[in-house]
Every structure is written in C-alpha cells, then in structure tokens.
C-alpha cells in the first residue's frame, strides 16, 4: 500500500530575481546550473519576471548563447525536455561579454540590470505595486577560478551593482591553503556582508545529506548510542570511476585532498558528528559544524605518515574498458606529477562525544565503483547468548547512501525462518527515497540555487568553517610537500593503494566496499549492494594508538 504524502510535492515560488553567472559558458554552468534552473522553472518555482544572465569573455549574441544552453539542457533532461517548456525558459536568458578585469563590461551589466525592463515586470507574478529594480534579489554566481573572486567582487562594488538584496555565490575551492582562503574571504568581505556570501558545497544539497539531519534530530532512536559508547568507528567514502576528464590543468594544481576532503568530506563528517543545534537555523547549525572542525585532532608531521595515504592511479581496467594512467591523461609521462588522485585518512574528533572513536575518510578517482556513503559501525553486543553453532554476531551498521540511489539502510541481526534452532543472519531495513516517495530526487543545485534566492544559508559554509577545515588539512599538505615520497600507485578499477587498506585493517576493521547485486552467504538475493565493515571478534575497546 502506498501512503500518500500530501505536502511532499508542495512547491513555493520564489520572488523575482536576476541571476548573473560568471563563467556562464563554462562546464559547471552548462552541465549543472542551467539544467537545474530549467527544472525549477518547469516545476513553477521561478517567477515569470526573473532573468538569467550568462557572463563570458567570448563576444556572442544572446541567441547563440541560448542555443548552447539548450543543447546542454537537452542532454541533461533527456525525455523531460520539451520545446514548449524550453521556449519559456529561453526568454529569461541574456548574455553579456565581459572581461573580469575590464570595467567597461561591468557598465554594460549595470545598464542591463538596472533598466526598467517593462516586459519582465509586466509578466511578473509579484504583488503590486511592483518592487523597484534595486530591491529585486540579485545573485552573482562566480563559477570561475577562485583567483578572480576578489577582483570580480571589487569591480561589482565599483560599478554600484551591489544592492541590499544582492547575494554572491562562491564555488569551491576557496583558496589552495589557509592563507589564500583568508585573502579571498577578505577581498569578498570588503564588498559583501557575511550574510550575503554563499559558499556553496553541492554535497550539502543532496537529499540523503539533508535526511541525515532528519534521521538524527527528528527521531529519538539513535541519539542514546550516537557517541563513543555505542559507535565503534565511522567510515565515509566518496568513490569515482572517472578520471580527471579534461580537468587535468585544474586537478594537477589541486589534488584529491583539496578537491574533496577539505570541503565535501569534512562537511559530511560534521553533519554526522555534530551536537544537536538549538534551532533549525543557519547559524545554529553552522555553529555546531564549526565545533566539530575545531575539535579535529591535528596531525604531527610523523602522524601524517602513519595516518594518511595518498595514491595516484595508473593504467588499468575501469568499467570494463582499458584506461590510461593519470600522467598519461594530463600529458606528464616524462615528468610524472606528484598530485594525489586518492586519499585515505584516519582521524579522531577530540571531544566527549567522540573521543577514542576513529573516523576513516577515503576518496579517489578511477576506483572500482562509483558511490558516496557514510557508514556508522555500532559496537558489538557485550555478551553473545546464542548457541556456538551460530556465526559470530555482526554488529549493527547504519549506511547513509548519498549517491547513487539515495537512501538509508540499517543492518540488524535476525532469525532465519524455519524449524529447529536459532539460526541468525544480518538483514537490512532499507529505505530508498525514490521508492518511498515515488518522485525524482532533485539535483543538489536545484535546491541550493533557490536557497540563495531566498537568502537561506543553512546548507552553505560560513567563513570560520572554511578556515577551520583548512587549518586541519594544511599540516597534511605541508608534510606531503616536504616528503620525497611520491603518491602510491594503484591500478585503475581497484580500491586504491594496498597501504590504504592496511590503514584501516590494522585496527581489525574491513574497509567499506560497494559490491554489485548478488546473493549473500545464505543464498538470499540482495537488492542493494552490500557494505562490509566488521569489527574483529572480541574487541570491545581496542587500543587505537597506531
């Protein structure tokens, strides 16, 4: 029986806005931002008076730009795309050729934004009398190199384009270390108030990540054991099967630690381990995340060698096809790069709730499977009362699937049906969001873009969070830079270097893996992939000083 959810599809239209996308012809804008805005327009959330303005250096006409956006949206939406829906969205699009360092282009942008566009206002569904153009929500989305964030914001200020209702969105990474992050934040903060700055991390817009908040703070089930007394360890894995895919120049100056750990993975860790906020309000939630980041136990230079592993993929087989190694992809066969495409870290949060509980972060490119999951491994029962003939009791395990097939899975020990003795096996309680709610799970950018328009910064990072994350990551970067050791090579299509597996297995834990559909040990089909993360028998509170 399907239980209806009467309010589940209730969508609220946002106020009229102008969204200006710097880097409007780039990969992010075309693959993610424009399709996300089109989907929100299709669902009726964008007011008819809203405009979307792409900014790029190439001098092209509005129609040419609209055609490029159309091609990207056709590819992204597939069968959802129709000419009728597109024609409505296309009327919103404008393009301005602008060199970020040249003030002339900003004057043209100023004229466009401040013109009393009668056509747009007449179509607007906003209450009358009409809101003045200067009071309209104005979003500047900087999908550019972070080095341009400061100069672009300064030019926006000089051109008098910043109004009280203006927001600016900064894409990650914000800097390449703590000092550069502070410099960028200072430059942007000289023009915009902190409440106008939206530092985006698209992982926070994923349904499963938001459901982590609901799971923890809208239910009482887990809170009594969501601490060092009940949790043995935490694993967070973000695995990709793709390589650098044409992003070699960017990636070779970034690497997996800057690209994934400093932002996405630490944010997932924060939401998993933070204290309950007093209210569901932006600063209340971000205050608690900051506390986690500041409680991360820092590494000494020696500990970086024992608690971290960096790797780089070589040629191998991924998704059934032979693929090149990282240096082949970026054209550095004769001068091998030291940039890591894989990172594994064992860390600890030094506070009362989590003291002594290790967390393991792992991310990489060209791995054996694609997926992002958070695994909460609970402790073993203190005493096994069941007959010796049974297999060892497997500790309970909670798996939050971030992507793909977003959902939540709780593994419990149960009796296998049948006569005779107590034969036990693990069985899952499985919640797939798609199957439960019978609706498409929106892309992260769909929610985040409209949150910016609303001025809701709950799912965005505050400056002190960014800098606390860099403070923890930077000693790792420094130790790697001072080391003569290159990243450990691993074959494409594997789960990374063998030393990364040893990093977790020396604590008696099996690394979490995504396994294809099949049968379990009892011959019972598993609908979803299995996650393996089991503590060795007899270890209730092991010494984890290694």
Protein backbone atom coordinates (compact mmCIF):
# COMPACT_ATOMS: atom_id res chain seq x y z
CA UNK A 1 0.00 0.00 0.00
CA UNK A 2 1.31 3.44 -0.93
CA UNK A 3 0.79 6.01 1.79
CA UNK A 4 0.23 9.44 0.29
CA UNK A 5 2.35 12.34 1.38
CA UNK A 6 0.03 15.32 0.86
CA UNK A 7 2.64 18.03 1.44
CA UNK A 8 5.56 16.25 -0.18
CA UNK A 9 5.19 17.94 -3.56
CA UNK A 10 4.19 21.40 -2.37
CA UNK A 11 6.49 23.88 -4.15
CA UNK A 12 6.68 27.55 -3.34
CA UNK A 13 7.54 30.09 -5.99
CA UNK A 14 10.43 32.40 -5.14
CA UNK A 15 10.43 36.18 -5.61
CA UNK A 16 11.56 37.62 -8.96
CA UNK A 17 15.35 37.61 -9.27
CA UNK A 18 18.24 38.28 -11.59
CA UNK A 19 20.90 35.55 -11.57
CA UNK A 20 24.22 36.53 -13.14
CA UNK A 21 26.54 33.59 -13.79
CA UNK A 22 30.20 34.49 -14.22
CA UNK A 23 31.73 31.63 -16.16
CA UNK A 24 28.38 31.30 -17.90
CA UNK A 25 29.84 29.38 -20.86
CA UNK A 26 31.85 27.01 -18.68
CA UNK A 27 31.37 23.36 -17.83
CA UNK A 28 29.69 23.89 -14.44
CA UNK A 29 27.19 26.40 -15.81
CA UNK A 30 26.27 24.25 -18.78
CA UNK A 31 26.16 20.82 -17.11
CA UNK A 32 24.71 21.75 -13.71
CA UNK A 33 23.47 25.30 -13.20
CA UNK A 34 21.37 25.85 -16.32
CA UNK A 35 19.65 22.43 -16.23
CA UNK A 36 18.92 22.94 -12.52
CA UNK A 37 17.32 26.32 -13.18
CA UNK A 38 15.30 24.91 -16.08
CA UNK A 39 13.94 22.11 -13.89
CA UNK A 40 12.89 24.60 -11.21
CA UNK A 41 11.23 26.68 -13.94
CA UNK A 42 9.37 23.61 -15.23
CA UNK A 43 8.04 22.99 -11.70
CA UNK A 44 6.77 26.56 -11.48
CA UNK A 45 9.15 27.85 -8.82
CA UNK A 46 10.67 30.67 -10.88
CA UNK A 47 8.65 33.87 -11.29
CA UNK A 48 7.99 35.00 -14.86
CA UNK A 49 9.90 38.23 -14.26
CA UNK A 50 13.17 36.52 -13.35
CA UNK A 51 16.22 36.76 -15.61
CA UNK A 52 19.30 34.57 -16.02
CA UNK A 53 22.36 36.30 -17.43
CA UNK A 54 25.44 34.42 -18.56
CA UNK A 55 28.79 36.18 -18.39
CA UNK A 56 31.74 35.12 -20.53
CA UNK A 57 34.70 36.58 -22.39
CA UNK A 58 33.57 35.49 -25.86
CA UNK A 59 31.57 38.13 -27.79
CA UNK A 60 28.47 36.13 -28.74
CA UNK A 61 24.83 37.06 -29.28
CA UNK A 62 22.02 36.20 -26.88
CA UNK A 63 20.58 33.71 -29.38
CA UNK A 64 23.87 31.88 -29.81
CA UNK A 65 24.24 31.61 -26.05
CA UNK A 66 20.67 30.37 -25.66
CA UNK A 67 21.36 27.67 -28.27
CA UNK A 68 24.38 26.44 -26.30
CA UNK A 69 22.33 26.32 -23.12
CA UNK A 70 19.55 24.49 -24.95
CA UNK A 71 21.94 21.77 -26.12
CA UNK A 72 23.21 21.25 -22.57
CA UNK A 73 19.71 21.15 -21.13
CA UNK A 74 18.52 18.68 -23.77
CA UNK A 75 21.35 16.37 -22.83
CA UNK A 76 20.76 16.74 -19.07
CA UNK A 77 16.96 16.44 -19.05
CA UNK A 78 16.55 13.78 -21.74
CA UNK A 79 12.87 12.88 -22.17
CA UNK A 80 11.82 15.63 -19.73
CA UNK A 81 12.90 18.28 -22.25
CA UNK A 82 10.17 19.73 -24.48
CA UNK A 83 10.16 22.64 -26.90
CA UNK A 84 7.25 24.26 -25.09
CA UNK A 85 8.99 24.24 -21.70
CA UNK A 86 12.25 25.40 -23.24
CA UNK A 87 10.62 28.35 -25.01
CA UNK A 88 9.51 29.78 -21.66
CA UNK A 89 12.95 29.38 -20.10
CA UNK A 90 14.78 30.74 -23.15
CA UNK A 91 13.02 34.09 -22.77
CA UNK A 92 14.83 34.58 -19.46
CA UNK A 93 18.32 34.15 -20.91
CA UNK A 94 20.68 37.01 -21.65
CA UNK A 95 24.40 37.13 -22.32
CA UNK A 96 27.00 39.79 -21.60
CA UNK A 97 30.58 39.59 -22.87
CA UNK A 98 32.77 40.79 -20.06
CA UNK A 99 36.45 40.67 -19.14
CA UNK A 100 36.59 40.44 -15.35
CA UNK A 101 39.50 42.89 -15.28
CA UNK A 102 37.90 45.49 -17.58
CA UNK A 103 35.38 47.98 -16.07
CA UNK A 104 33.64 48.58 -19.42
CA UNK A 105 31.81 45.28 -19.30
CA UNK A 106 30.54 45.99 -15.79
CA UNK A 107 28.95 49.19 -17.04
CA UNK A 108 27.03 47.21 -19.67
CA UNK A 109 25.96 44.78 -16.98
CA UNK A 110 24.91 47.72 -14.79
CA UNK A 111 22.74 49.10 -17.58
CA UNK A 112 21.09 45.72 -18.18
CA UNK A 113 20.34 45.02 -14.52
CA UNK A 114 19.07 48.48 -13.71
CA UNK A 115 16.97 49.00 -16.81
CA UNK A 116 13.27 49.10 -16.03
CA UNK A 117 12.52 46.17 -18.27
CA UNK A 118 8.80 46.66 -18.79
CA UNK A 119 8.37 43.29 -20.44
CA UNK A 120 9.73 41.39 -17.45
CA UNK A 121 7.85 43.44 -14.89
CA UNK A 122 4.57 43.11 -16.76
CA UNK A 123 4.97 39.35 -16.73
CA UNK A 124 5.97 39.20 -13.08
CA UNK A 125 3.62 37.45 -10.68
CA UNK A 126 4.93 39.56 -7.78
CA UNK A 127 2.38 41.57 -5.80
CA UNK A 128 1.68 45.10 -6.99
CA UNK A 129 2.82 47.81 -6.67
CA UNK A 130 5.93 46.46 -8.37
CA UNK A 131 9.12 46.16 -6.39
CA UNK A 132 11.80 48.61 -7.58
CA UNK A 133 14.58 47.03 -9.61
CA UNK A 134 17.11 47.97 -6.90
CA UNK A 135 15.15 45.90 -4.37
CA UNK A 136 14.98 42.79 -6.56
CA UNK A 137 17.01 39.82 -5.47
CA UNK A 138 20.26 39.84 -7.41
CA UNK A 139 22.56 36.81 -7.40
CA UNK A 140 26.13 36.85 -8.69
CA UNK A 141 27.31 33.27 -9.14
CA UNK A 142 31.10 33.09 -9.50
CA UNK A 143 31.73 29.84 -11.38
CA UNK A 144 35.28 30.95 -12.13
CA UNK A 145 38.82 30.41 -10.92
CA UNK A 146 38.95 31.43 -7.23
CA UNK A 147 41.76 33.86 -8.03
CA UNK A 148 39.10 36.00 -9.74
CA UNK A 149 36.70 36.09 -6.79
CA UNK A 150 38.26 39.14 -5.12
CA UNK A 151 38.80 41.26 -8.27
CA UNK A 152 35.31 40.43 -9.59
CA UNK A 153 33.65 41.44 -6.34
CA UNK A 154 35.66 44.65 -6.22
CA UNK A 155 34.55 45.55 -9.75
CA UNK A 156 30.93 44.78 -8.86
CA UNK A 157 31.19 47.18 -5.95
CA UNK A 158 32.85 49.91 -8.03
CA UNK A 159 30.13 49.58 -10.66
CA UNK A 160 27.45 50.07 -7.95
CA UNK A 161 25.95 46.67 -8.72
CA UNK A 162 25.74 45.54 -5.10
CA UNK A 163 22.34 46.27 -3.54
CA UNK A 164 20.95 45.30 -0.12
CA UNK A 165 19.24 42.32 -1.81
CA UNK A 166 22.38 41.10 -3.58
CA UNK A 167 23.99 37.74 -2.86
CA UNK A 168 27.27 36.33 -4.17
CA UNK A 169 27.91 32.59 -4.58
CA UNK A 170 31.47 31.26 -4.35
CA UNK A 171 32.33 27.86 -5.83
CA UNK A 172 34.92 25.68 -4.15
CA UNK A 173 37.81 25.54 -3.64
CA UNK A 174 38.10 28.86 -1.82
CA UNK A 175 41.86 29.17 -1.97
CA UNK A 176 44.55 26.50 -2.07
CA UNK A 177 45.61 26.84 1.58
CA UNK A 178 44.66 28.77 4.73
CA UNK A 179 46.45 31.99 3.77
CA UNK A 180 44.93 32.19 0.27
CA UNK A 181 41.50 31.33 1.68
CA UNK A 182 41.74 34.21 4.14
CA UNK A 183 42.89 36.57 1.38
CA UNK A 184 39.91 35.64 -0.83
CA UNK A 185 37.44 35.94 2.04
CA UNK A 186 38.90 39.33 2.99
CA UNK A 187 38.56 40.60 -0.58
CA UNK A 188 34.99 39.37 -0.98
CA UNK A 189 34.09 40.57 2.52
CA UNK A 190 35.25 44.07 1.69
CA UNK A 191 32.30 44.32 -0.73
CA UNK A 192 29.67 41.93 0.66
CA UNK A 193 28.37 41.35 4.17
CA UNK A 194 28.85 37.83 5.53
CA UNK A 195 25.10 37.17 5.27
CA UNK A 196 25.31 38.00 1.55
CA UNK A 197 28.08 35.46 0.86
CA UNK A 198 27.04 31.90 -0.04
CA UNK A 199 29.97 29.46 -0.15
CA UNK A 200 28.47 26.52 -1.96
CA UNK A 201 29.16 22.83 -1.46
CA UNK A 202 26.77 20.89 -3.66
CA UNK A 203 27.05 17.79 -1.44
CA UNK A 204 25.04 19.63 1.21
CA UNK A 205 22.17 19.94 -1.25
CA UNK A 206 21.81 16.19 -1.73
CA UNK A 207 18.64 14.65 -0.30
CA UNK A 208 20.47 11.97 1.67
CA UNK A 209 22.68 14.55 3.37
CA UNK A 210 19.68 16.62 4.41
CA UNK A 211 17.95 13.45 5.57
CA UNK A 212 20.89 12.82 7.85
CA UNK A 213 19.70 15.84 9.85
CA UNK A 214 16.16 14.44 9.91
CA UNK A 215 17.39 10.99 10.89
CA UNK A 216 19.37 12.33 13.82
CA UNK A 217 17.24 15.18 15.11
CA UNK A 218 13.66 14.20 14.20
CA UNK A 219 13.93 10.73 15.78
CA UNK A 220 14.94 9.52 19.23
CA UNK A 221 16.06 6.06 18.16
CA UNK A 222 19.77 6.67 17.61
CA UNK A 223 20.69 9.52 19.96
CA UNK A 224 21.39 7.31 23.04
CA UNK A 225 24.02 5.33 21.09
CA UNK A 226 25.28 8.11 18.77
CA UNK A 227 28.52 8.51 20.73
CA UNK A 228 31.70 6.75 21.77
CA UNK A 229 29.77 4.29 23.96
CA UNK A 230 27.69 2.99 21.06
CA UNK A 231 29.75 3.64 17.93
CA UNK A 232 32.88 1.66 17.09
CA UNK A 233 34.00 3.73 14.10
CA UNK A 234 32.79 5.84 11.16
CA UNK A 235 33.71 5.42 7.50
CA UNK A 236 32.98 7.99 4.81
CA UNK A 237 33.72 7.01 1.23
CA UNK A 238 33.38 9.12 -1.92
CA UNK A 239 34.42 6.96 -4.87
CA UNK A 240 34.55 7.89 -8.54
CA UNK A 241 35.12 5.62 -11.53
CA UNK A 242 36.02 8.51 -13.84
CA UNK A 243 39.44 10.06 -14.27
CA UNK A 244 40.17 13.78 -14.50
CA UNK A 245 38.05 14.04 -17.68
CA UNK A 246 39.58 17.14 -19.24
CA UNK A 247 40.11 18.91 -15.91
CA UNK A 248 43.79 17.98 -15.75
CA UNK A 249 45.15 21.50 -15.51
CA UNK A 250 42.88 22.35 -12.57
CA UNK A 251 43.21 18.99 -10.89
CA UNK A 252 47.00 18.84 -11.08
CA UNK A 253 47.16 22.05 -9.01
CA UNK A 254 44.53 20.79 -6.61
CA UNK A 255 44.54 17.06 -5.94
CA UNK A 256 42.05 14.92 -4.03
CA UNK A 257 42.77 16.42 -0.59
CA UNK A 258 41.92 19.97 -1.67
CA UNK A 259 39.25 18.96 -4.18
CA UNK A 260 37.26 16.58 -1.97
CA UNK A 261 38.44 16.24 1.62
CA UNK A 262 38.77 19.89 2.66
CA UNK A 263 35.17 20.62 1.69
CA UNK A 264 32.79 17.77 0.78
CA UNK A 265 34.06 15.07 3.10
CA UNK A 266 34.63 17.26 6.15
CA UNK A 267 31.13 18.67 5.72
CA UNK A 268 29.70 15.14 5.68
CA UNK A 269 31.70 14.37 8.81
CA UNK A 270 30.39 17.49 10.54
CA UNK A 271 26.74 16.67 9.88
CA UNK A 272 27.32 13.10 11.05
CA UNK A 273 29.02 14.01 14.33
CA UNK A 274 27.85 17.48 15.38
CA UNK A 275 25.83 18.17 18.52
CA UNK A 276 22.08 18.89 18.15
CA UNK A 277 21.60 22.58 17.29
CA UNK A 278 19.18 24.57 19.42
CA UNK A 279 17.16 25.52 16.32
CA UNK A 280 16.96 24.63 12.65
CA UNK A 281 18.51 27.94 11.69
CA UNK A 282 21.61 28.67 9.59
CA UNK A 283 23.93 29.95 12.29
CA UNK A 284 22.78 27.42 14.90
CA UNK A 285 23.69 24.56 12.53
CA UNK A 286 26.93 26.16 11.35
CA UNK A 287 28.00 26.87 14.93
CA UNK A 288 27.82 23.15 15.68
CA UNK A 289 29.69 22.21 12.50
CA UNK A 290 32.45 24.66 13.39
CA UNK A 291 32.82 23.00 16.81
CA UNK A 292 33.46 19.64 15.12
CA UNK A 293 36.07 21.13 12.80
CA UNK A 294 37.86 22.79 15.69
CA UNK A 295 37.80 19.52 17.65
CA UNK A 296 39.56 17.54 14.91
CA UNK A 297 42.78 16.26 16.42
CA UNK A 298 45.68 17.80 14.44
CA UNK A 299 48.42 15.61 12.97
CA UNK A 300 52.10 15.92 13.70
CA UNK A 301 54.44 15.51 10.74
CA UNK A 302 55.20 11.94 11.86
CA UNK A 303 51.50 11.11 12.21
CA UNK A 304 50.81 12.25 8.66
CA UNK A 305 52.98 9.33 7.56
CA UNK A 306 51.08 6.80 9.68
CA UNK A 307 47.52 8.17 9.47
CA UNK A 308 47.25 9.21 5.82
CA UNK A 309 47.77 7.54 2.45
CA UNK A 310 47.91 9.31 -0.88
CA UNK A 311 47.75 7.50 -4.18
CA UNK A 312 47.68 8.05 -7.92
CA UNK A 313 46.01 5.83 -10.49
CA UNK A 314 47.99 4.12 -13.20
CA UNK A 315 46.66 2.36 -16.28
CA UNK A 316 44.11 -0.34 -15.64
CA UNK A 317 40.59 -1.52 -16.42
CA UNK A 318 37.65 0.65 -15.33
CA UNK A 319 34.02 -0.04 -16.21
CA UNK A 320 35.18 -2.92 -18.40
CA UNK A 321 37.49 -0.81 -20.57
CA UNK A 322 41.23 -0.26 -20.62
CA UNK A 323 42.06 3.26 -19.41
CA UNK A 324 45.20 5.35 -19.20
CA UNK A 325 47.02 6.34 -16.06
CA UNK A 326 46.86 9.82 -14.54
CA UNK A 327 50.15 11.06 -16.01
CA UNK A 328 49.12 9.86 -19.48
CA UNK A 329 45.82 11.73 -19.17
CA UNK A 330 47.47 15.04 -18.23
CA UNK A 331 50.43 14.70 -20.61
CA UNK A 332 53.16 14.31 -17.99
CA UNK A 333 54.58 10.88 -18.78
CA UNK A 334 58.14 12.24 -18.99
CA UNK A 335 57.72 14.44 -15.90
CA UNK A 336 55.46 12.48 -13.53
CA UNK A 337 53.16 14.54 -11.33
CA UNK A 338 53.17 14.22 -7.54
CA UNK A 339 49.47 15.15 -7.33
CA UNK A 340 47.32 12.65 -5.49
CA UNK A 341 44.15 11.23 -7.06
CA UNK A 342 43.37 9.18 -3.94
CA UNK A 343 43.39 9.99 -0.23
CA UNK A 344 42.72 7.86 2.84
CA UNK A 345 42.83 9.38 6.33
CA UNK A 346 42.34 8.01 9.82
CA UNK A 347 41.35 10.79 12.21
CA UNK A 348 39.69 11.48 15.53
CA UNK A 349 37.40 14.11 16.99
CA UNK A 350 38.80 15.13 20.36
CA UNK A 351 35.66 15.78 22.37
CA UNK A 352 33.50 13.99 24.96
CA UNK A 353 31.01 12.55 22.49
CA UNK A 354 33.54 11.05 20.07
CA UNK A 355 36.82 10.71 21.95
CA UNK A 356 38.52 7.41 21.03
CA UNK A 357 36.26 6.71 18.03
CA UNK A 358 38.26 6.73 14.79
CA UNK A 359 36.84 8.02 11.56
CA UNK A 360 38.14 6.94 8.17
CA UNK A 361 37.86 9.16 5.11
CA UNK A 362 38.53 7.73 1.65
CA UNK A 363 38.12 9.30 -1.75
CA UNK A 364 39.62 8.71 -5.15
CA UNK A 365 39.29 8.67 -8.89
CA UNK A 366 39.28 5.58 -11.13
CA UNK A 367 38.11 3.36 -8.29
CA UNK A 368 36.23 0.07 -8.57
CA UNK A 369 32.75 1.57 -8.20
CA UNK A 370 31.02 4.93 -8.05
CA UNK A 371 29.26 5.88 -4.84
CA UNK A 372 29.23 8.04 -1.73
CA UNK A 373 28.27 6.51 1.59
CA UNK A 374 28.52 7.21 5.29
CA UNK A 375 28.83 4.08 7.45
CA UNK A 376 28.17 4.19 11.19
CA UNK A 377 29.50 0.96 12.67
CA UNK A 378 27.99 0.28 16.09
CA UNK A 379 29.73 -1.74 18.77
CA UNK A 380 29.30 -5.45 19.34
CA UNK A 381 26.84 -6.77 21.90
CA UNK A 382 28.63 -7.18 25.25
CA UNK A 383 27.75 -10.88 25.51
CA UNK A 384 26.63 -13.44 22.93
CA UNK A 385 23.89 -15.71 24.40
CA UNK A 386 23.23 -17.74 21.26
CA UNK A 387 24.43 -21.31 20.50
CA UNK A 388 28.03 -21.85 19.47
CA UNK A 389 26.90 -23.22 16.12
CA UNK A 390 25.82 -19.76 15.01
CA UNK A 391 28.09 -17.45 13.11
CA UNK A 392 29.51 -14.59 15.12
CA UNK A 393 27.01 -11.81 15.68
CA UNK A 394 27.61 -8.99 13.23
CA UNK A 395 27.42 -5.54 14.86
CA UNK A 396 24.62 -3.25 13.71
CA UNK A 397 25.55 -0.96 10.87
CA UNK A 398 23.83 2.19 9.57
CA UNK A 399 24.58 3.16 5.97
CA UNK A 400 23.55 6.52 4.53
CA UNK A 401 23.71 6.30 0.75
CA UNK A 402 24.47 9.78 -0.60
CA UNK A 403 24.74 8.66 -4.23
CA UNK A 404 23.58 6.87 -6.29
CA UNK A 405 20.17 5.51 -5.17
CA UNK A 406 19.94 7.84 -2.20
CA UNK A 407 18.62 6.20 0.92
CA UNK A 408 19.25 4.78 4.39
CA UNK A 409 19.96 1.20 5.39
CA UNK A 410 20.14 -0.31 8.87
CA UNK A 411 21.58 -3.80 9.23
CA UNK A 412 20.19 -5.84 12.15
CA UNK A 413 20.67 -9.43 13.32
CA UNK A 414 17.53 -11.54 12.75
CA UNK A 415 16.47 -15.19 12.94
CA UNK A 416 16.31 -17.06 9.66
CA UNK A 417 12.78 -18.53 9.24
CA UNK A 418 12.47 -22.27 9.69
CA UNK A 419 12.17 -25.07 12.26
CA UNK A 420 14.96 -26.09 14.54
CA UNK A 421 17.48 -23.94 16.35
CA UNK A 422 18.24 -20.24 16.35
CA UNK A 423 19.96 -19.59 13.04
CA UNK A 424 20.86 -15.91 12.82
CA UNK A 425 21.93 -13.66 9.97
CA UNK A 426 22.16 -9.91 9.27
CA UNK A 427 19.18 -8.42 7.41
CA UNK A 428 18.60 -4.84 6.24
CA UNK A 429 15.87 -2.34 6.95
CA UNK A 430 16.15 -0.40 3.71
CA UNK A 431 14.71 2.99 2.77
CA UNK A 432 15.13 4.09 -0.82
CA UNK A 433 13.94 7.68 -1.22
CA UNK A 434 12.92 7.11 -4.84
CA UNK A 435 10.80 4.07 -3.98
CA UNK A 436 9.27 5.56 -0.83
CA UNK A 437 8.30 8.93 -2.24
CA UNK A 438 7.75 7.94 -5.89
CA UNK A 439 9.32 11.07 -7.25
CA UNK A 440 12.53 12.20 -8.87
CA UNK A 441 15.18 13.21 -6.37
CA UNK A 442 16.14 16.78 -7.29
CA UNK A 443 19.72 17.56 -8.18
CA UNK A 444 21.60 19.33 -5.41
CA UNK A 445 21.94 22.56 -7.38
CA UNK A 446 18.18 22.78 -7.87
CA UNK A 447 17.68 23.31 -4.16
CA UNK A 448 20.81 25.32 -3.46
CA UNK A 449 20.24 27.89 -6.20
CA UNK A 450 16.77 28.72 -4.92
CA UNK A 451 18.03 28.74 -1.32
CA UNK A 452 20.38 31.52 -2.40
CA UNK A 453 17.47 33.46 -3.87
CA UNK A 454 15.53 33.00 -0.61
CA UNK A 455 18.54 34.09 1.42
CA UNK A 456 18.62 30.76 3.31
CA UNK A 457 22.25 29.95 4.14
CA UNK A 458 21.57 26.77 6.14
CA UNK A 459 23.24 24.50 3.57
CA UNK A 460 26.15 26.83 2.86
CA UNK A 461 29.51 27.18 4.57
CA UNK A 462 30.46 30.10 6.78
CA UNK A 463 33.91 31.67 6.66
CA UNK A 464 35.01 30.26 10.00
CA UNK A 465 34.09 26.74 8.84
CA UNK A 466 36.22 27.08 5.72
CA UNK A 467 39.21 28.33 7.69
CA UNK A 468 38.86 25.67 10.39
CA UNK A 469 38.84 22.99 7.67
CA UNK A 470 41.98 24.45 6.06
CA UNK A 471 43.68 24.56 9.47
CA UNK A 472 43.24 20.79 9.81
CA UNK A 473 44.14 19.94 6.22
CA UNK A 474 47.17 22.22 5.84
CA UNK A 475 49.61 20.22 8.03
CA UNK A 476 48.89 17.19 5.82
CA UNK A 477 49.65 19.22 2.70
CA UNK A 478 52.83 20.59 4.25
CA UNK A 479 54.08 17.15 5.32
CA UNK A 480 53.42 15.73 1.86
CA UNK A 481 55.22 18.68 0.24
CA UNK A 482 58.27 18.12 2.47
CA UNK A 483 58.33 14.40 1.77
CA UNK A 484 60.40 12.87 -1.02
CA UNK A 485 57.88 10.04 -1.30
CA UNK A 486 55.56 10.11 -4.31
CA UNK A 487 51.91 9.01 -4.15
CA UNK A 488 51.44 5.22 -4.08
CA UNK A 489 50.36 3.91 -7.46
CA UNK A 490 47.19 1.87 -7.79
CA UNK A 491 45.62 0.30 -10.87
CA UNK A 492 42.55 2.00 -12.29
CA UNK A 493 39.49 -0.05 -11.38
CA UNK A 494 40.79 -1.04 -7.94
CA UNK A 495 40.02 0.30 -4.44
CA UNK A 496 43.25 2.28 -4.21
CA UNK A 497 46.72 1.51 -2.87
CA UNK A 498 47.16 -1.55 -0.67
CA UNK A 499 48.53 0.73 2.06
CA UNK A 500 45.12 2.42 2.26
CA UNK A 501 43.52 -0.94 3.01
CA UNK A 502 46.21 -1.62 5.62
CA UNK A 503 45.49 1.76 7.23
CA UNK A 504 42.09 0.53 8.36
CA UNK A 505 42.68 -3.21 8.60
CA UNK A 506 45.45 -2.82 11.16
CA UNK A 507 42.66 -1.73 13.51
CA UNK A 508 40.86 -5.01 12.83
CA UNK A 509 38.32 -3.39 10.51
CA UNK A 510 37.44 -4.34 6.94
CA UNK A 511 37.34 -1.42 4.53
CA UNK A 512 33.89 -0.45 3.31
CA UNK A 513 33.26 -1.50 -0.28
CA UNK A 514 30.43 -1.27 -2.77
CA UNK A 515 29.56 -4.71 -4.16
CA UNK A 516 27.30 -5.41 -7.10
CA UNK A 517 23.92 -7.11 -6.68
CA UNK A 518 24.15 -10.80 -5.89
CA UNK A 519 23.47 -13.30 -3.15
CA UNK A 520 24.61 -13.31 0.43
CA UNK A 521 26.05 -16.26 2.32
CA UNK A 522 22.56 -17.71 2.87
CA UNK A 523 21.70 -17.68 -0.83
CA UNK A 524 19.21 -14.84 -0.35
CA UNK A 525 19.32 -12.18 -3.09
CA UNK A 526 20.48 -8.75 -2.01
CA UNK A 527 18.56 -5.93 -3.70
CA UNK A 528 21.21 -3.34 -2.94
CA UNK A 529 24.98 -3.55 -2.84
CA UNK A 530 26.50 -4.79 0.39
CA UNK A 531 28.78 -2.76 2.62
CA UNK A 532 31.45 -4.64 4.52
CA UNK A 533 32.63 -3.06 7.73
CA UNK A 534 33.02 -5.53 10.57
CA UNK A 535 34.99 -5.29 13.80
CA UNK A 536 37.15 -8.27 14.75
CA UNK A 537 35.65 -10.61 17.33
CA UNK A 538 36.38 -9.96 20.96
CA UNK A 539 37.44 -6.33 20.53
CA UNK A 540 35.20 -4.09 22.56
CA UNK A 541 37.53 -1.17 23.17
CA UNK A 542 40.82 -1.80 21.33
CA UNK A 543 43.92 0.32 21.62
CA UNK A 544 43.84 2.57 18.56
CA UNK A 545 47.07 4.42 19.15
CA UNK A 546 48.59 3.14 15.90
